[in-house]
């Protein structure tokens, strides 16, 4: 029998989860919750699920075995705690929480309840990211990495209200890059310098650049903006014996040695939300930890936190260990 999934937050991004559950045979949507009641009831009727106006009612629903949170991160601590205490497995859209302290609360509640929990750092499933990671041995010892993500301004008003969002692009898009950095290099961040600005936003930053020191002397640059009409996700990795370059938005990757460029086989594009749901289903079915843990989510938030402290202080700041 398929595992019952309850989704809290089926708006712009949450609708992707709702759509892709149908692509994972081990899962079925049994309930959903959304602030826009009329839209939520229509979605629920379309997939044959129950609609709950109150997240607490969804968590208490006996047909829900996995709670998927696709809500502003300022709500994650309360909702994840409630789900864990109810014995429900958790799939939490990034960022795990706005602060490291919030991440610790979630992790403690999940450990106490003994439930399975995963953070949806979906960029790990991207075909370009996977291809570059597999090619890393070909360029020898690493010494530098650079990642950028550029997007158009968001239409979601709550993202620019810090009381709801918990932060700007450093927290909401930066964590993608911070987690990808750890995933690609296998190294932890130790210290960060950062700057940020506002181009189209009023309350939160929508443009940032960070220099991140990693274990073993590897230097990284992670930058992002939501203030352009051109989308891109550039990745550059430098090693002693060559470079790897790619763009996870445009699906390209190559190895550079001297002036020679050799394209890497990237394969078909991956529906990363579907892949995250499939990984969660497999982890539950095999009674194992998921590929992306709460610790992974918390470590990305810790880098974001160090960025914010560095922006405020104007100097390099240590990354809080997890």
Foldseek 3Di string as FASTA:
>chain_A
DAAEEEEEACPDVVVLLLVLQVVAVNHAYAEYEHCPQVVRVVSCVVRVHYYDPDLLVSLVDPSHQEYEYPFQQCCQLVSLLSNLVSVHEYEYEPLNHLALVSLVSSVVSNVVSVHAYFYQLLVCVWLQLVLLLVCVPVQAAFAEKEKEWEAAADPDPQQLVCVRNVAHCCRPVVLSVQLSVCVSPVWAWWKKAKAFDDDPGDRHTFWMKMWTATPPNHIYIYIYGRHDHDTWIWMWIHHNQWIKIDTSVVQWIWTGGPNDTGTTDRDDTDPRSSVSVNQVSVCVVVVHHGPGHSQSSSSSSQVSVQHVVNNVPVDMGTRDHD
